[in-house]
């Protein structure tokens, strides 16, 4: 009885396995026939890693077959279409090996590498002055996201305040380079930022009203809807207890401490001499020495 049940189970498993193989083969055959019916086309891809400013020459490009339904928009089908004779093109951003070469990643025909080619529609490129401190010690690189801070003196003229002028701004270039050669930190003197026309006006006004600084931020982080103004009083804020330290003492010219009053030492009152005893004395002699002892009334 047990042997019969085992044979039945094996037979069912065999039938299910054959059915699965049949269904898989049918699906693969239909997919291949669909691809054959749709056809393929050659698309230009990078044969070597392309960096910003590299010219697209025939030795840096090759063509691979892409299904007609999966060809990315902006791709090139032939070398003549990609690089017309006598008109050079250069890469405007990094392109990896076997990555399709698209029109928005390279310059126009006969046009060199230009920052303007990297700007999306409606955006502007604005340049601000930075130094080793305001430029995060050279660690701000092209394509990083930064916040722009402004430190200024308020109209009241009391102290200084710092505000967040702009948030989540993309860095296009540091100095005149849209991409560093080796990616190592480099202290730049200017930073070119991708901003809207209104933000470009804010940057121009902020440079004349105070000092601008860049703050490197994590990619993809959302903007903070509530931004507080920080003043000199906030530098005395105690993060642990939540209380503010007392205001610092006013620093002025050194003045010596006033002299201490002289210490007057009072002499102890003179002791009164004991009244002379009255009465008699007794002399006692022991051996060769003697002593005299007074006896009688000594007074009160």
Protein backbone atom coordinates (compact mmCIF):
# COMPACT_ATOMS: atom_id res chain seq x y z
CA UNK A 1 0.00 0.00 0.00
CA UNK A 2 2.82 2.36 0.92
CA UNK A 3 4.70 1.59 -2.30
CA UNK A 4 1.59 2.40 -4.34
CA UNK A 5 1.20 5.86 -2.68
CA UNK A 6 4.85 6.63 -3.35
CA UNK A 7 4.51 5.80 -7.04
CA UNK A 8 1.42 8.01 -7.31
CA UNK A 9 3.23 10.96 -5.68
CA UNK A 10 6.20 10.54 -8.03
CA UNK A 11 3.92 10.44 -11.03
CA UNK A 12 2.14 13.65 -10.01
CA UNK A 13 5.47 15.43 -9.45
CA UNK A 14 6.72 14.32 -12.86
CA UNK A 15 3.60 15.60 -14.61
CA UNK A 16 3.83 18.99 -12.83
CA UNK A 17 7.52 19.31 -13.76
CA UNK A 18 6.84 18.60 -17.42
CA UNK A 19 4.03 21.15 -17.38
CA UNK A 20 6.30 23.83 -15.88
CA UNK A 21 8.97 23.19 -18.52
CA UNK A 22 6.40 23.43 -21.29
CA UNK A 23 5.03 26.75 -20.00
CA UNK A 24 8.53 28.23 -19.62
CA UNK A 25 9.53 27.27 -23.14
CA UNK A 26 6.32 28.71 -24.52
CA UNK A 27 6.96 32.06 -22.76
CA UNK A 28 10.57 32.26 -23.97
CA UNK A 29 9.57 31.45 -27.53
CA UNK A 30 6.87 34.12 -27.53
CA UNK A 31 9.34 36.72 -26.17
CA UNK A 32 11.93 35.89 -28.81
CA UNK A 33 9.35 36.03 -31.57
CA UNK A 34 8.13 39.40 -30.26
CA UNK A 35 11.69 40.79 -30.25
CA UNK A 36 12.26 39.50 -33.77
CA UNK A 37 9.01 41.10 -34.90
CA UNK A 38 9.84 44.41 -33.20
CA UNK A 39 13.40 44.51 -34.55
CA UNK A 40 16.55 46.15 -33.15
CA UNK A 41 18.67 49.17 -34.02
CA UNK A 42 22.24 50.22 -33.33
CA UNK A 43 22.73 52.86 -30.64
CA UNK A 44 25.93 54.76 -29.84
CA UNK A 45 27.41 53.97 -26.40
CA UNK A 46 30.66 54.97 -24.69
CA UNK A 47 33.55 52.62 -25.43
CA UNK A 48 35.67 54.22 -22.67
CA UNK A 49 34.80 56.35 -19.63
CA UNK A 50 34.04 59.88 -20.79
CA UNK A 51 34.71 62.83 -18.47
CA UNK A 52 33.68 66.43 -18.75
CA UNK A 53 35.30 68.16 -21.73
CA UNK A 54 36.49 65.00 -23.53
CA UNK A 55 36.01 65.09 -27.29
CA UNK A 56 33.89 62.34 -28.86
CA UNK A 57 36.20 60.66 -31.36
CA UNK A 58 35.46 57.37 -33.21
CA UNK A 59 37.79 55.41 -30.92
CA UNK A 60 35.69 56.44 -27.87
CA UNK A 61 32.35 55.35 -29.34
CA UNK A 62 30.90 51.99 -30.33
CA UNK A 63 27.44 50.80 -31.42
CA UNK A 64 25.31 48.07 -29.84
CA UNK A 65 21.92 46.60 -30.72
CA UNK A 66 18.91 47.94 -28.77
CA UNK A 67 15.29 46.75 -29.15
CA UNK A 68 13.31 49.35 -31.05
CA UNK A 69 10.88 49.66 -28.14
CA UNK A 70 13.69 50.35 -25.62
CA UNK A 71 15.81 52.91 -27.46
CA UNK A 72 16.39 55.89 -25.10
CA UNK A 73 15.31 59.29 -26.43
CA UNK A 74 18.14 61.52 -27.61
CA UNK A 75 20.37 58.62 -28.68
CA UNK A 76 22.40 58.46 -31.91
CA UNK A 77 22.12 55.74 -34.57
CA UNK A 78 25.30 56.43 -36.56
CA UNK A 79 28.71 58.06 -36.25
CA UNK A 80 27.80 60.61 -38.91
CA UNK A 81 24.80 61.66 -36.83
CA UNK A 82 26.88 61.83 -33.64
CA UNK A 83 29.92 63.63 -35.03
CA UNK A 84 29.29 65.34 -38.37
CA UNK A 85 32.42 65.89 -40.39
CA UNK A 86 34.30 68.96 -39.23
CA UNK A 87 32.02 69.54 -36.21
CA UNK A 88 33.32 68.28 -32.90
CA UNK A 89 31.28 67.36 -29.83
CA UNK A 90 32.46 67.06 -26.23
CA UNK A 91 31.02 65.41 -23.13
CA UNK A 92 29.29 67.74 -20.67
CA UNK A 93 29.09 65.16 -17.87
CA UNK A 94 30.53 61.78 -16.96
CA UNK A 95 29.43 58.87 -19.17
CA UNK A 96 30.28 55.31 -18.12
CA UNK A 97 31.35 52.46 -20.38
CA UNK A 98 28.43 50.97 -22.38
CA UNK A 99 26.18 53.87 -21.30
CA UNK A 100 24.15 55.32 -24.18
CA UNK A 101 25.42 58.69 -25.41
CA UNK A 102 22.47 61.07 -25.26
CA UNK A 103 22.08 64.56 -26.68
CA UNK A 104 21.63 66.16 -23.23
CA UNK A 105 24.99 64.76 -22.09
CA UNK A 106 27.12 66.20 -24.90
CA UNK A 107 27.58 69.60 -26.47
CA UNK A 108 26.00 70.78 -29.68
CA UNK A 109 27.64 70.41 -33.08
CA UNK A 110 30.88 72.37 -33.15
CA UNK A 111 30.31 73.75 -29.64
CA UNK A 112 32.84 73.26 -26.83
CA UNK A 113 32.19 72.48 -23.21
CA UNK A 114 30.00 75.24 -21.79
CA UNK A 115 28.40 75.74 -18.40
CA UNK A 116 25.34 77.17 -20.15
CA UNK A 117 24.77 73.78 -21.78
CA UNK A 118 24.35 72.20 -18.35
CA UNK A 119 21.56 74.53 -17.22
CA UNK A 120 17.98 73.25 -17.26
CA UNK A 121 15.29 75.46 -18.77
CA UNK A 122 14.52 78.53 -16.67
CA UNK A 123 17.65 78.26 -14.50
CA UNK A 124 20.64 80.59 -14.24
CA UNK A 125 24.31 80.24 -13.30
CA UNK A 126 25.41 82.68 -10.60
CA UNK A 127 28.96 82.94 -9.23
CA UNK A 128 29.81 83.90 -5.65
CA UNK A 129 33.15 84.47 -3.93
CA UNK A 130 34.30 81.80 -1.48
CA UNK A 131 37.46 81.07 0.52
CA UNK A 132 38.89 78.21 2.56
CA UNK A 133 36.31 78.73 5.31
CA UNK A 134 33.18 79.74 3.40
CA UNK A 135 33.89 77.06 0.77
CA UNK A 136 34.02 74.19 3.32
CA UNK A 137 37.81 73.85 2.97
CA UNK A 138 37.58 72.79 -0.67
CA UNK A 139 35.33 69.78 -0.05
CA UNK A 140 32.47 71.30 -2.08
CA UNK A 141 32.65 69.66 -5.51
CA UNK A 142 30.64 70.17 -8.71
CA UNK A 143 27.17 68.57 -8.55
CA UNK A 144 27.12 68.81 -4.72
CA UNK A 145 24.14 70.39 -2.97
CA UNK A 146 24.73 73.28 -0.57
CA UNK A 147 22.91 75.83 1.55
CA UNK A 148 23.93 79.48 1.25
CA UNK A 149 24.28 81.43 4.51
CA UNK A 150 24.55 85.20 4.84
CA UNK A 151 26.17 86.94 7.82
CA UNK A 152 25.29 90.62 8.07
CA UNK A 153 24.79 93.51 10.45
CA UNK A 154 21.08 94.24 11.08
CA UNK A 155 19.69 97.76 10.58
CA UNK A 156 19.79 98.30 14.35
CA UNK A 157 23.59 98.08 14.14
CA UNK A 158 23.83 95.87 17.23
CA UNK A 159 26.01 92.81 16.67
CA UNK A 160 25.70 90.46 13.69
CA UNK A 161 23.16 87.85 12.58
CA UNK A 162 23.30 84.84 10.25
CA UNK A 163 20.40 83.68 8.07
CA UNK A 164 19.89 80.84 5.59
CA UNK A 165 19.60 82.67 2.29
CA UNK A 166 19.07 79.68 -0.06
CA UNK A 167 18.60 75.94 0.45
CA UNK A 168 19.49 72.89 -1.62
CA UNK A 169 21.41 74.66 -4.39
CA UNK A 170 23.39 72.60 -6.92
CA UNK A 171 27.04 73.54 -7.47
CA UNK A 172 27.90 73.65 -11.17
CA UNK A 173 31.57 74.53 -10.95
CA UNK A 174 34.36 75.53 -8.56
CA UNK A 175 36.55 78.28 -10.00
CA UNK A 176 36.50 77.64 -13.78
CA UNK A 177 36.23 73.85 -13.58
CA UNK A 178 32.94 72.01 -13.83
CA UNK A 179 34.71 68.80 -12.80
CA UNK A 180 37.95 68.25 -10.91
CA UNK A 181 40.46 65.95 -12.58
CA UNK A 182 41.06 63.61 -9.63
CA UNK A 183 38.28 64.57 -7.21
CA UNK A 184 40.74 65.66 -4.50
CA UNK A 185 39.82 68.61 -2.24
CA UNK A 186 40.72 71.95 -3.76
CA UNK A 187 40.22 75.38 -2.23
CA UNK A 188 38.45 77.52 -4.80
CA UNK A 189 37.96 81.25 -4.94
CA UNK A 190 34.58 81.22 -6.68
CA UNK A 191 31.61 78.86 -6.82
CA UNK A 192 29.08 78.80 -9.66
CA UNK A 193 25.59 77.84 -8.48
CA UNK A 194 22.46 76.77 -10.36
CA UNK A 195 19.66 79.08 -9.23
CA UNK A 196 16.41 80.62 -10.38
CA UNK A 197 16.40 84.24 -11.64
CA UNK A 198 15.04 85.48 -8.28
CA UNK A 199 17.67 83.53 -6.34
CA UNK A 200 20.37 85.02 -8.58
CA UNK A 201 19.19 88.49 -7.51
CA UNK A 202 19.29 87.41 -3.86
CA UNK A 203 22.89 86.25 -4.25
CA UNK A 204 23.94 89.53 -5.86
CA UNK A 205 22.27 91.54 -3.10
CA UNK A 206 23.60 89.25 -0.37
CA UNK A 207 27.21 89.72 -1.49
CA UNK A 208 26.88 93.48 -1.14
CA UNK A 209 25.00 93.30 2.18
CA UNK A 210 27.22 90.78 4.01
CA UNK A 211 29.39 87.71 3.77
CA UNK A 212 28.19 84.52 2.05
CA UNK A 213 29.15 81.01 3.16
CA UNK A 214 28.41 77.56 1.73
CA UNK A 215 27.21 74.65 3.87
CA UNK A 216 27.53 71.18 2.37
CA UNK A 217 24.35 69.12 2.75
CA UNK A 218 23.37 65.48 2.24
CA UNK A 219 22.03 64.69 -1.25
CA UNK A 220 18.26 64.25 -1.39
CA UNK A 221 17.63 65.80 2.03
CA UNK A 222 14.42 67.84 2.23
CA UNK A 223 14.48 71.56 2.95
CA UNK A 224 13.81 72.86 6.43
CA UNK A 225 10.56 74.91 6.26
CA UNK A 226 11.40 76.84 9.46
CA UNK A 227 14.76 78.60 9.53
CA UNK A 228 15.73 80.72 12.52
CA UNK A 229 18.01 83.72 12.58
CA UNK A 230 21.10 83.23 14.74
CA UNK A 231 22.55 86.21 16.62
CA UNK A 232 25.46 86.75 19.00
CA UNK A 233 23.19 86.02 21.95
CA UNK A 234 22.69 82.47 20.67
CA UNK A 235 26.42 81.79 21.06
CA UNK A 236 25.89 81.74 24.84
CA UNK A 237 23.09 79.18 24.67
CA UNK A 238 23.56 76.19 26.93
CA UNK A 239 22.53 73.08 25.04
CA UNK A 240 22.46 70.93 28.16
CA UNK A 241 20.43 72.92 30.62
CA UNK A 242 18.48 75.07 28.20
CA UNK A 243 19.47 78.26 30.03
CA UNK A 244 21.55 81.11 28.72
CA UNK A 245 24.84 82.03 30.24
CA UNK A 246 25.08 85.49 31.83
CA UNK A 247 26.29 88.28 29.60
CA UNK A 248 30.08 88.60 29.51
CA UNK A 249 31.67 91.31 31.64
CA UNK A 250 32.58 94.57 29.92
CA UNK A 251 36.24 94.65 29.05
CA UNK A 252 37.86 98.01 29.81
CA UNK A 253 41.15 99.59 30.83
CA UNK A 254 42.93 97.95 33.74
CA UNK A 255 42.40 99.69 37.05
CA UNK A 256 44.28 98.67 40.16
CA UNK A 257 42.26 97.44 43.09
CA UNK A 258 41.62 100.04 45.83
CA UNK A 259 44.03 99.84 48.76
CA UNK A 260 42.89 97.87 51.74
CA UNK A 261 42.22 99.80 54.96
CA UNK A 262 45.07 99.54 57.46
CA UNK A 263 44.67 96.90 60.10
CA UNK A 264 44.58 98.44 63.56
CA UNK A 265 45.97 96.12 66.14
CA UNK A 266 44.85 96.82 69.67
CA UNK A 267 47.27 96.08 72.46
CA UNK A 268 46.09 93.78 75.18
CA UNK A 269 45.09 95.60 78.38
CA UNK A 270 47.80 95.65 81.02
CA UNK A 271 47.35 93.14 83.74
CA UNK A 272 46.86 94.53 87.19
CA UNK A 273 49.50 93.63 89.66
CA UNK A 274 48.36 91.30 92.35
CA UNK A 275 47.91 93.05 95.65
CA UNK A 276 50.76 92.60 97.97
CA UNK A 277 50.00 89.89 100.41
CA UNK A 278 49.57 90.77 103.99
CA UNK A 279 50.21 88.54 106.90
CA UNK A 280 53.02 86.36 108.14
CA UNK A 281 55.58 84.09 106.51
CA UNK A 282 56.89 80.72 107.54
CA UNK A 283 60.42 79.56 106.73
CA UNK A 284 61.10 75.85 106.39
CA UNK A 285 64.68 74.50 106.32
CA UNK A 286 65.42 71.03 104.93
CA UNK A 287 69.05 70.05 105.26
CA UNK A 288 71.15 72.87 103.89
CA UNK A 289 68.34 74.59 101.90
CA UNK A 290 65.39 76.55 103.08
CA UNK A 291 62.16 77.97 101.67
CA UNK A 292 59.89 80.73 102.89
CA UNK A 293 56.09 80.42 102.57
CA UNK A 294 53.70 83.34 103.05
CA UNK A 295 50.64 82.75 105.13
CA UNK A 296 47.89 85.01 106.08
CA UNK A 297 45.32 87.29 104.31
CA UNK A 298 46.03 88.04 100.57
CA UNK A 299 43.01 90.22 100.11
CA UNK A 300 39.91 89.59 98.10
